[in-house]
Structures are given as C-alpha cells and as structure tokens.
Amino acid sequence: MMTRSYPPTAQTRVLKWLAIAGAIAIAIGCIRAPDRIWGNALVGTFYLLTLALGGAVFVALTYVTGAGWHVAFRRVPEAMARIIPIAGAALLIALIVKMTSYGWHAHGHGDPGTFWFKQLWLDPPFWLIRAIAYIVLWSLMASRLCARSRQQDRTGEAALSAGSTRLSAMFLGVFAVTFSLASVDWMMALEPMWFSTMWGVYNFAGMIQAALAAVVVLGLLLRSHGGPLHGVFNDEHLHDLGKLQLGFSCFWMYIWYSQYMLIWYSNIPEETFYFVARTHGAWGPVVVLSIVLNWVIPFFVLLPKSAKRSGRVMMRVAVVVLIGRWVDLYVMVFPAIKSGENRLFANPVFGLWEAAAICYLVGTAGLLLLRSFAAAGPIPRNDPYLPESQHYHAG
C-alpha cells in the first residue's frame, strides 16, 4: 500500500542533478572528445534500450508460461518496458550521428566479392530503415501489452489476461528475430569483417541478466521506507529473482565461453582478430573484470539460499551485475571505434567523459523508470493471479 507520494522529491532531485551534470559534461565532450562521447552514447543508449526490452521480455515470458508469482510486482518490469520508445529514439540519434561507421563503404572500396551480401545488408539507407522498424515494432507491441494490463485494472475483465498471453507469444516471436538482427546491425557491424553466429544469443543473455538486476534494484527501492511496494514485494519474490539471476549469470558465462572457445580452437584469422584485440595488452584485464562482475561474483555469492532472500545481498549483487553489463558493452564498442583503418582506442580509457555518460545514464534512467512506475499504479489489482502472488511461497 502506498503510504507517501511517489517518486520522492529527494530521490528525483538527486537523479535530476546527476542527469544535468552529466549532460553539461557531455556537451563539452562533444567538442573536446567527440569519438569518446559517441562511443559512450552508443553504450549508454543501447544499455538503456536493452533494459527496457528486458522488462518487456520478462512480462511476456510470464504471460506465456502462465506464471503468477510475479504479478504483485509486475508494474516494475512494465515500467521498464514503457520507456522503449524513448530509449529507442535516443539510440537512433546516436546511430544516425555516426551512420558512416556502419556503411560498407567505410571499410573499403571496389568489388565486394564474396561479401556482396554484407555490402547489401550494410547499405546505410537499408540499415537505417531496419533500425527504425525494430524500434517501432518493439514500442508498439510492448506499449500494447502494458496498456492491456492497465485496462484490466479499470475493467476487471479476466479475459484480458488470455489476450495478453497471445500478444506476448507474438511479441516473443518478433523479438527473437529482430533483436538478434539488431545486435548484429548495431554492435557487430562496427567490425563488419568479423562474425559470430552466437552474437544474438550472447547479447540476449546479457540483456536478461541486466534486466533482472534492474527489477531487483527497483523492487527493493520501491519497498523500502513505506514505498509503494512496501509489504508487496517480499522475500519470496526476491528469492525467485535471485534464482533467475544466478541461472542467467551462468547462461551468460556459458555463451561467452562457447563463443570464445570455438573461435580460439578453430584459429581462423578473420574470426580471432576480435578477441586478439580484446584479450591482449591493457584490454585483457577489462575482459577479466567483465567475467568477474557478470559471472564470478553473482555465481558464488548467490549460491546460498539465505543470500537470495537477503535484500542487502541481492541489492549489492544486482548493482555489480549492472556495472558488469556496462563493462561488457564497453568492451564490445570501444576497441571497434576507428578513424579510417586505425583503431582509436588500442587501450581502454576511462575518465571525465565516461563518468559523465554514466551519471547521465543513471540520472535519466532513474527518472524515466520511477515516473513510468508512478504513472501506472503500483499493483495490477484485478489480475486473476494477484492473490497467488501475494501469498506466494518460493519453497
């Protein structure tokens, strides 16, 4: 039950100042270090979009599987899903600014030979049309899914849940194809001569892992100090989210290792150069840090049952995973940024511009998510699975 206005003025004030300070520094960085600002913009906007998409996928999966345990806090992933249009528009701006980095002409001239399909696929207008289509599809379907949930609050029609299940199945089918292609278009295409058939699954694993962490963080914040989920989001829900977090951290590591091991074993130059650039020199410790944050810490910390039922432990692990997601995307993007044929970042860089981008991301994402949650209402009160969720026991 909501015992005070939400979001609190103190929280929104801090988030606003973070966003403002980050925006001012980014504006200066556009003049002083445009390539670093663009790299951070791509990382930040893709990060935010995948968090939002992760919320939509979580909701859709629970509808399709007939799950009821999550309903009491379903407004949290729904709030994430509702910011897909804003996050998608921000990513489109970042992509358009450096559209020439993706076009085939930026990587050589003349007859493409056996790479004719890559030249066709990376034709800038076709590439941009696809990007717009992906984001519009995701936005429309996720918005409709969330709207049906709010409609059920007003009308109390149980039949809306069945319709949402059908819509969720359609969304998941569309998502499976489009997200895999989008991750190739926006991330792998920075280095179009490299390829991996596991790339879409790898990005999916990172997306779901980070989205679960975001649900944990938001759920714990919203239930603290008389917040709107106080007495609603309980340790039973936290326990199941912890199990999912543990499982998807292992899935992320499994896909990472499978991709790396197959490329290392085959030792084909057009495949290995991606990992050579990222596992040698100063980039090597950053890759190790990514593995530690995304798998080692979540795996070993969340093994005990008590850890998964502790708000303090789960909050810390979730924050670690969210940082790890940023590091993972940073490793994807920055070594691939080039000027002509030369890599601009042969070594990792972290300074004012990266800190500014992170501040802006945290501030903006926090404001969007809290306001999206507040606009929808804290609990889907007329969902037929709500009683099950409120009296749920994780076992």
Protein backbone atom coordinates (compact mmCIF):
# COMPACT_ATOMS: atom_id res chain seq x y z
CA MET A 1 0.00 0.00 0.00
CA MET A 2 1.31 3.45 -0.94
CA THR A 3 1.98 5.43 2.22
CA ARG A 4 3.59 8.52 0.70
CA SER A 5 3.84 10.32 -2.62
CA TYR A 6 6.00 8.67 -5.21
CA PRO A 7 8.57 9.25 -6.52
CA PRO A 8 10.01 11.13 -3.51
CA THR A 9 11.29 14.63 -4.07
CA ALA A 10 14.71 13.81 -2.59
CA GLN A 11 15.29 10.92 -4.99
CA THR A 12 14.16 12.83 -8.06
CA ARG A 13 16.31 15.80 -7.07
CA VAL A 14 19.45 13.65 -6.90
CA LEU A 15 18.63 11.98 -10.22
CA LYS A 16 17.96 15.34 -11.88
CA TRP A 17 21.29 16.73 -10.74
CA LEU A 18 23.09 13.61 -11.97
CA ALA A 19 21.42 13.95 -15.35
CA ILE A 20 22.10 17.70 -15.59
CA ALA A 21 25.75 17.39 -14.57
CA GLY A 22 26.24 14.53 -17.00
CA ALA A 23 24.54 16.43 -19.83
CA ILE A 24 26.74 19.53 -19.31
CA ALA A 25 29.93 17.44 -19.33
CA ILE A 26 28.74 15.53 -22.42
CA ALA A 27 28.05 18.81 -24.25
CA ILE A 28 31.62 19.91 -23.55
CA GLY A 29 32.92 16.49 -24.56
CA CYS A 30 31.19 16.73 -27.94
CA ILE A 31 33.75 19.44 -28.74
CA ARG A 32 36.76 18.13 -26.84
CA ALA A 33 36.49 14.36 -27.43
CA PRO A 34 33.71 13.59 -29.96
CA ASP A 35 34.74 9.98 -30.61
CA ARG A 36 34.72 9.10 -26.92
CA ILE A 37 31.38 10.82 -26.44
CA TRP A 38 29.89 8.90 -29.35
CA GLY A 39 31.23 5.60 -28.03
CA ASN A 40 29.72 6.31 -24.63
CA ALA A 41 26.46 7.41 -26.24
CA LEU A 42 26.21 4.12 -28.12
CA VAL A 43 26.98 2.11 -24.98
CA GLY A 44 24.54 4.13 -22.85
CA THR A 45 21.60 4.19 -25.25
CA PHE A 46 21.95 0.50 -26.14
CA TYR A 47 22.22 -0.28 -22.43
CA LEU A 48 19.01 1.62 -21.65
CA LEU A 49 17.12 0.14 -24.59
CA THR A 50 18.06 -3.41 -23.64
CA LEU A 51 16.99 -2.81 -20.03
CA ALA A 52 13.62 -1.64 -21.31
CA LEU A 53 13.37 -4.58 -23.71
CA GLY A 54 14.35 -6.93 -20.90
CA GLY A 55 11.38 -5.69 -18.89
CA ALA A 56 9.04 -6.37 -21.82
CA VAL A 57 10.51 -9.84 -22.37
CA PHE A 58 10.12 -10.65 -18.66
CA VAL A 59 6.44 -9.68 -18.74
CA ALA A 60 5.83 -11.57 -21.98
CA LEU A 61 7.55 -14.72 -20.74
CA THR A 62 5.49 -14.77 -17.55
CA TYR A 63 2.26 -14.46 -19.54
CA VAL A 64 3.23 -17.24 -21.95
CA THR A 65 4.31 -19.61 -19.18
CA GLY A 66 1.21 -18.91 -17.09
CA ALA A 67 3.31 -17.73 -14.14
CA GLY A 68 1.57 -15.98 -11.26
CA TRP A 69 4.33 -15.45 -8.69
CA HIS A 70 5.46 -12.13 -10.18
CA VAL A 71 2.12 -10.32 -10.52
CA ALA A 72 2.42 -8.32 -7.28
CA PHE A 73 5.49 -6.50 -8.61
CA ARG A 74 4.74 -6.73 -12.35
CA ARG A 75 4.43 -2.95 -12.59
CA VAL A 76 8.23 -2.79 -12.21
CA PRO A 77 9.13 -4.63 -15.46
CA GLU A 78 6.14 -2.93 -17.11
CA ALA A 79 7.60 0.45 -16.16
CA MET A 80 10.84 -0.64 -17.81
CA ALA A 81 9.01 -1.76 -20.96
CA ARG A 82 7.16 1.56 -21.28
CA ILE A 83 10.38 3.51 -21.86
CA ILE A 84 11.27 1.55 -25.03
CA PRO A 85 10.16 4.42 -27.34
CA ILE A 86 12.32 7.00 -25.51
CA ALA A 87 15.35 4.72 -25.26
CA GLY A 88 14.92 3.66 -28.88
CA ALA A 89 14.73 7.27 -30.10
CA ALA A 90 17.92 8.11 -28.18
CA LEU A 91 19.72 5.13 -29.72
CA LEU A 92 18.55 6.11 -33.21
CA ILE A 93 20.07 9.57 -32.75
CA ALA A 94 23.39 8.02 -31.69
CA LEU A 95 23.34 5.67 -34.68
CA ILE A 96 22.50 8.40 -37.19
CA VAL A 97 25.30 10.65 -35.91
CA LYS A 98 27.90 8.03 -36.92
CA MET A 99 25.99 6.17 -39.61
CA THR A 100 29.08 6.14 -41.82
CA SER A 101 30.83 3.90 -39.26
CA TYR A 102 28.42 1.13 -40.24
CA GLY A 103 28.25 1.51 -44.02
CA TRP A 104 30.34 -0.92 -46.04
CA HIS A 105 31.99 1.96 -47.91
CA ALA A 106 33.73 2.92 -44.66
CA HIS A 107 35.70 -0.35 -44.79
CA GLY A 108 36.96 -0.45 -48.35
CA HIS A 109 36.00 0.20 -51.96
CA GLY A 110 35.62 -1.80 -55.12
CA ASP A 111 34.03 -5.16 -55.79
CA PRO A 112 32.91 -6.78 -52.51
CA GLY A 113 33.40 -10.26 -54.00
CA THR A 114 32.06 -12.93 -51.67
CA PHE A 115 30.97 -10.20 -49.24
CA TRP A 116 28.24 -8.93 -51.57
CA PHE A 117 25.53 -9.71 -49.02
CA LYS A 118 27.32 -7.75 -46.30
CA GLN A 119 27.54 -4.80 -48.66
CA LEU A 120 23.83 -5.07 -49.38
CA TRP A 121 22.91 -5.58 -45.72
CA LEU A 122 25.01 -2.62 -44.53
CA ASP A 123 23.79 -0.22 -47.18
CA PRO A 124 23.13 2.87 -45.00
CA PRO A 125 19.50 3.57 -46.02
CA PHE A 126 18.52 -0.11 -45.66
CA TRP A 127 20.39 -0.31 -42.35
CA LEU A 128 18.59 2.77 -41.01
CA ILE A 129 15.15 1.58 -42.17
CA ARG A 130 15.71 -1.69 -40.31
CA ALA A 131 16.74 0.16 -37.14
CA ILE A 132 13.57 2.27 -37.22
CA ALA A 133 11.43 -0.81 -37.93
CA TYR A 134 12.89 -2.74 -34.98
CA ILE A 135 12.25 0.06 -32.50
CA VAL A 136 8.74 0.82 -33.80
CA LEU A 137 7.75 -2.86 -33.59
CA TRP A 138 9.10 -3.23 -30.06
CA SER A 139 7.49 0.01 -28.92
CA LEU A 140 4.05 -0.77 -30.31
CA MET A 141 3.88 -4.33 -29.01
CA ALA A 142 5.29 -3.54 -25.56
CA SER A 143 3.04 -0.50 -25.18
CA ARG A 144 0.01 -2.59 -26.10
CA LEU A 145 0.99 -5.28 -23.60
CA CYS A 146 1.30 -2.72 -20.79
CA ALA A 147 -1.91 -0.96 -21.83
CA ARG A 148 -3.89 -4.20 -21.56
CA SER A 149 -2.61 -4.65 -18.02
CA ARG A 150 -3.82 -1.17 -17.04
CA GLN A 151 -7.11 -1.76 -18.85
CA GLN A 152 -7.66 -4.82 -16.67
CA ASP A 153 -7.26 -2.59 -13.60
CA ARG A 154 -10.14 -0.43 -14.83
CA THR A 155 -12.50 -3.11 -16.14
CA GLY A 156 -11.60 -6.21 -14.14
CA GLU A 157 -12.01 -8.43 -17.25
CA ALA A 158 -10.19 -11.71 -16.67
CA ALA A 159 -10.33 -12.39 -20.44
CA LEU A 160 -7.72 -9.66 -20.95
CA SER A 161 -5.11 -12.00 -19.49
CA ALA A 162 -5.76 -14.57 -22.24
CA GLY A 163 -5.42 -11.86 -24.87
CA SER A 164 -2.19 -10.68 -23.28
CA THR A 165 -0.86 -14.23 -23.47
CA ARG A 166 -1.48 -14.34 -27.22
CA LEU A 167 0.08 -10.91 -27.69
CA SER A 168 3.08 -11.99 -25.61
CA ALA A 169 3.63 -15.04 -27.80
CA MET A 170 3.59 -12.82 -30.89
CA PHE A 171 5.95 -10.33 -29.26
CA LEU A 172 8.44 -13.02 -28.27
CA GLY A 173 8.49 -14.37 -31.83
CA VAL A 174 9.10 -10.92 -33.27
CA PHE A 175 11.66 -10.12 -30.58
CA ALA A 176 13.67 -13.32 -31.14
CA VAL A 177 14.30 -12.44 -34.78
CA THR A 178 14.58 -8.67 -34.59
CA PHE A 179 16.78 -8.42 -31.50
CA SER A 180 19.29 -10.88 -32.93
CA LEU A 181 19.45 -8.85 -36.14
CA ALA A 182 19.58 -5.54 -34.25
CA SER A 183 22.50 -6.66 -32.09
CA VAL A 184 24.35 -7.59 -35.29
CA ASP A 185 23.43 -4.31 -37.02
CA TRP A 186 24.37 -2.04 -34.12
CA MET A 187 27.25 -3.84 -32.42
CA MET A 188 28.84 -6.49 -34.64
CA ALA A 189 28.63 -4.24 -37.70
CA LEU A 190 31.17 -1.90 -36.11
CA GLU A 191 33.63 -4.57 -37.30
CA PRO A 192 31.85 -5.96 -40.39
CA MET A 193 34.65 -8.36 -41.33
CA TRP A 194 34.12 -10.25 -38.06
CA PHE A 195 31.24 -12.60 -37.48
CA SER A 196 29.81 -14.89 -34.81
CA THR A 197 26.66 -17.00 -35.10
CA MET A 198 26.28 -16.78 -31.29
CA TRP A 199 26.21 -13.00 -31.15
CA GLY A 200 22.45 -12.60 -30.84
CA VAL A 201 22.20 -15.19 -28.05
CA TYR A 202 25.15 -13.62 -26.24
CA ASN A 203 23.50 -10.19 -26.27
CA PHE A 204 20.21 -11.74 -25.18
CA ALA A 205 21.92 -13.34 -22.18
CA GLY A 206 23.47 -10.03 -21.13
CA MET A 207 20.19 -8.20 -21.64
CA ILE A 208 18.12 -10.57 -19.47
CA GLN A 209 20.78 -10.70 -16.76
CA ALA A 210 20.88 -6.90 -16.51
CA ALA A 211 17.08 -6.58 -16.71
CA LEU A 212 16.66 -8.98 -13.77
CA ALA A 213 19.19 -6.94 -11.80
CA ALA A 214 17.25 -3.75 -12.60
CA VAL A 215 14.00 -5.35 -11.40
CA VAL A 216 15.72 -6.32 -8.14
CA VAL A 217 17.13 -2.82 -7.59
CA LEU A 218 13.83 -1.09 -8.37
CA GLY A 219 11.80 -3.57 -6.35
CA LEU A 220 13.97 -3.13 -3.28
CA LEU A 221 13.97 0.67 -3.58
CA LEU A 222 10.20 0.76 -4.03
CA ARG A 223 9.52 -1.41 -1.00
CA SER A 224 11.79 0.48 1.40
CA HIS A 225 10.70 3.20 3.86
CA GLY A 226 6.98 2.91 3.21
CA GLY A 227 7.31 2.93 -0.57
CA PRO A 228 4.54 1.78 -2.93
CA LEU A 229 5.72 -1.85 -2.85
CA HIS A 230 6.21 -1.99 0.92
CA GLY A 231 4.64 -5.24 2.09
CA VAL A 232 4.03 -6.26 -1.55
CA PHE A 233 7.47 -7.11 -2.93
CA ASN A 234 8.61 -9.67 -0.39
CA ASP A 235 11.46 -12.12 0.22
CA GLU A 236 9.60 -14.87 -1.65
CA HIS A 237 9.66 -12.80 -4.82
CA LEU A 238 13.25 -11.81 -4.15
CA HIS A 239 14.23 -15.46 -3.73
CA ASP A 240 12.89 -16.39 -7.17
CA LEU A 241 14.51 -13.37 -8.80
CA GLY A 242 17.77 -14.44 -7.14
CA LYS A 243 17.45 -17.92 -8.63
CA LEU A 244 16.85 -16.43 -12.07
CA GLN A 245 19.81 -14.07 -11.58
CA LEU A 246 22.06 -16.97 -10.66
CA GLY A 247 20.84 -19.04 -13.61
CA PHE A 248 21.26 -16.31 -16.19
CA SER A 249 24.72 -15.39 -14.91
CA CYS A 250 25.72 -18.99 -15.65
CA PHE A 251 23.97 -18.81 -19.04
CA TRP A 252 25.87 -15.61 -19.91
CA MET A 253 29.17 -17.27 -18.96
CA TYR A 254 28.29 -20.41 -20.92
CA ILE A 255 27.59 -18.41 -24.09
CA TRP A 256 30.70 -16.24 -23.57
CA TYR A 257 32.90 -19.31 -23.18
CA SER A 258 31.28 -21.19 -26.05
CA GLN A 259 31.81 -18.27 -28.43
CA TYR A 260 35.40 -17.72 -27.31
CA MET A 261 36.38 -21.40 -27.19
CA LEU A 262 35.10 -22.19 -30.70
CA ILE A 263 36.89 -19.20 -32.20
CA TRP A 264 40.09 -19.94 -30.27
CA TYR A 265 40.04 -23.62 -31.27
CA SER A 266 39.43 -23.04 -34.98
CA ASN A 267 42.05 -20.24 -35.01
CA ILE A 268 40.82 -18.66 -38.25
CA PRO A 269 42.28 -15.13 -38.62
CA GLU A 270 39.02 -13.49 -39.73
CA GLU A 271 37.43 -14.76 -36.50
CA THR A 272 40.26 -14.45 -33.99
CA PHE A 273 41.12 -10.78 -34.56
CA TYR A 274 38.10 -9.69 -32.49
CA PHE A 275 39.37 -11.48 -29.38
CA VAL A 276 43.04 -10.76 -30.08
CA ALA A 277 42.31 -7.04 -29.82
CA ARG A 278 40.40 -7.55 -26.56
CA THR A 279 42.43 -10.14 -24.68
CA HIS A 280 45.94 -8.77 -25.28
CA GLY A 281 47.58 -5.76 -23.72
CA ALA A 282 45.63 -3.43 -21.48
CA TRP A 283 42.24 -4.72 -22.67
CA GLY A 284 42.88 -8.17 -21.16
CA PRO A 285 42.20 -7.13 -17.53
CA VAL A 286 39.00 -5.36 -18.62
CA VAL A 287 37.71 -8.61 -20.16
CA VAL A 288 38.59 -10.45 -16.95
CA LEU A 289 36.78 -7.75 -14.96
CA SER A 290 33.70 -8.29 -17.13
CA ILE A 291 33.73 -12.02 -16.36
CA VAL A 292 34.19 -11.38 -12.64
CA LEU A 293 31.31 -8.91 -12.49
CA ASN A 294 28.90 -10.81 -14.72
CA TRP A 295 29.55 -14.35 -13.53
CA VAL A 296 32.08 -14.97 -10.73
CA ILE A 297 30.52 -12.66 -8.12
CA PRO A 298 26.84 -13.45 -8.86
CA PHE A 299 27.55 -17.20 -9.01
CA PHE A 300 29.44 -17.61 -5.77
CA VAL A 301 27.52 -15.01 -3.75
CA LEU A 302 24.06 -16.25 -4.75
CA LEU A 303 24.67 -19.96 -4.23
CA PRO A 304 23.35 -19.98 -0.61
CA LYS A 305 19.59 -19.76 -0.19
CA SER A 306 19.96 -17.12 2.52
CA ALA A 307 21.77 -14.78 0.10
CA LYS A 308 18.87 -14.85 -2.35
CA ARG A 309 16.45 -13.88 0.43
CA SER A 310 18.56 -11.01 1.73
CA GLY A 311 17.67 -7.58 0.40
CA ARG A 312 21.11 -6.24 1.24
CA VAL A 313 22.96 -9.03 -0.59
CA MET A 314 20.65 -9.01 -3.59
CA MET A 315 20.94 -5.23 -3.94
CA ARG A 316 24.72 -5.40 -3.97
CA VAL A 317 24.84 -8.27 -6.44
CA ALA A 318 22.34 -6.53 -8.71
CA VAL A 319 24.44 -3.35 -8.73
CA VAL A 320 27.54 -5.44 -9.54
CA VAL A 321 25.70 -7.06 -12.46
CA LEU A 322 24.53 -3.69 -13.77
CA ILE A 323 28.12 -2.41 -13.68
CA GLY A 324 29.24 -5.62 -15.35
CA ARG A 325 26.75 -5.08 -18.16
CA TRP A 326 28.25 -1.64 -18.81
CA VAL A 327 31.76 -3.13 -18.87
CA ASP A 328 30.62 -5.85 -21.28
CA LEU A 329 29.17 -3.29 -23.71
CA TYR A 330 32.23 -1.07 -23.28
CA VAL A 331 34.44 -3.98 -24.39
CA MET A 332 32.21 -4.55 -27.42
CA VAL A 333 32.22 -0.94 -28.59
CA PHE A 334 35.41 0.94 -27.76
CA PRO A 335 38.04 -1.35 -29.34
CA ALA A 336 35.95 -1.26 -32.54
CA ILE A 337 35.86 2.54 -32.93
CA LYS A 338 38.13 3.52 -35.80
CA SER A 339 39.33 6.52 -37.71
CA GLY A 340 39.94 5.24 -41.22
CA GLU A 341 41.72 1.93 -40.80
CA ASN A 342 43.19 2.73 -37.37
CA ARG A 343 41.69 1.86 -34.01
CA LEU A 344 41.28 4.95 -31.87
CA PHE A 345 41.31 3.06 -28.58
CA ALA A 346 44.09 0.48 -28.63
CA ASN A 347 43.97 0.80 -24.83
CA PRO A 348 40.94 1.26 -22.57
CA VAL A 349 40.13 4.80 -21.49
CA PHE A 350 38.12 5.92 -18.51
CA GLY A 351 37.89 9.50 -17.40
CA LEU A 352 35.62 12.51 -17.24
CA TRP A 353 33.67 11.69 -20.41
CA GLU A 354 32.90 8.12 -19.35
CA ALA A 355 31.94 9.25 -15.84
CA ALA A 356 29.69 11.94 -17.33
CA ALA A 357 27.97 9.41 -19.57
CA ILE A 358 27.37 7.07 -16.63
CA CYS A 359 25.96 9.91 -14.49
CA TYR A 360 23.63 10.93 -17.30
CA LEU A 361 22.56 7.32 -17.87
CA VAL A 362 21.84 6.70 -14.18
CA GLY A 363 20.03 10.00 -13.70
CA THR A 364 17.93 9.78 -16.85
CA ALA A 365 17.12 6.08 -16.48
CA GLY A 366 16.17 6.54 -12.83
CA LEU A 367 13.82 9.43 -13.57
CA LEU A 368 12.19 7.65 -16.50
CA LEU A 369 11.67 4.41 -14.60
CA LEU A 370 10.33 5.96 -11.39
CA ARG A 371 7.90 8.22 -13.26
CA SER A 372 6.80 5.38 -15.52
CA PHE A 373 6.09 3.26 -12.44
CA ALA A 374 4.22 6.06 -10.69
CA ALA A 375 2.03 6.72 -13.75
CA ALA A 376 0.82 3.09 -13.96
CA GLY A 377 -0.09 2.48 -10.31
CA PRO A 378 1.81 0.11 -8.01
CA ILE A 379 -0.17 -3.14 -8.31
CA PRO A 380 -2.26 -4.83 -11.06
CA ARG A 381 -5.22 -5.13 -8.72
CA ASN A 382 -7.63 -7.02 -10.95
CA ASP A 383 -5.25 -9.62 -12.32
CA PRO A 384 -6.60 -13.12 -11.57
CA TYR A 385 -3.15 -14.25 -10.40
CA LEU A 386 -2.71 -11.45 -7.87
CA PRO A 387 -3.89 -13.49 -4.82
CA GLU A 388 -1.47 -16.26 -5.76
CA SER A 389 1.38 -13.75 -5.99
CA GLN A 390 0.54 -12.07 -2.70
CA HIS A 391 0.53 -15.40 -0.83
CA TYR A 392 3.32 -16.96 -2.85
CA HIS A 393 5.93 -19.16 -1.17
CA ALA A 394 9.12 -19.81 -3.12
CA GLY A 395 9.87 -23.07 -1.27
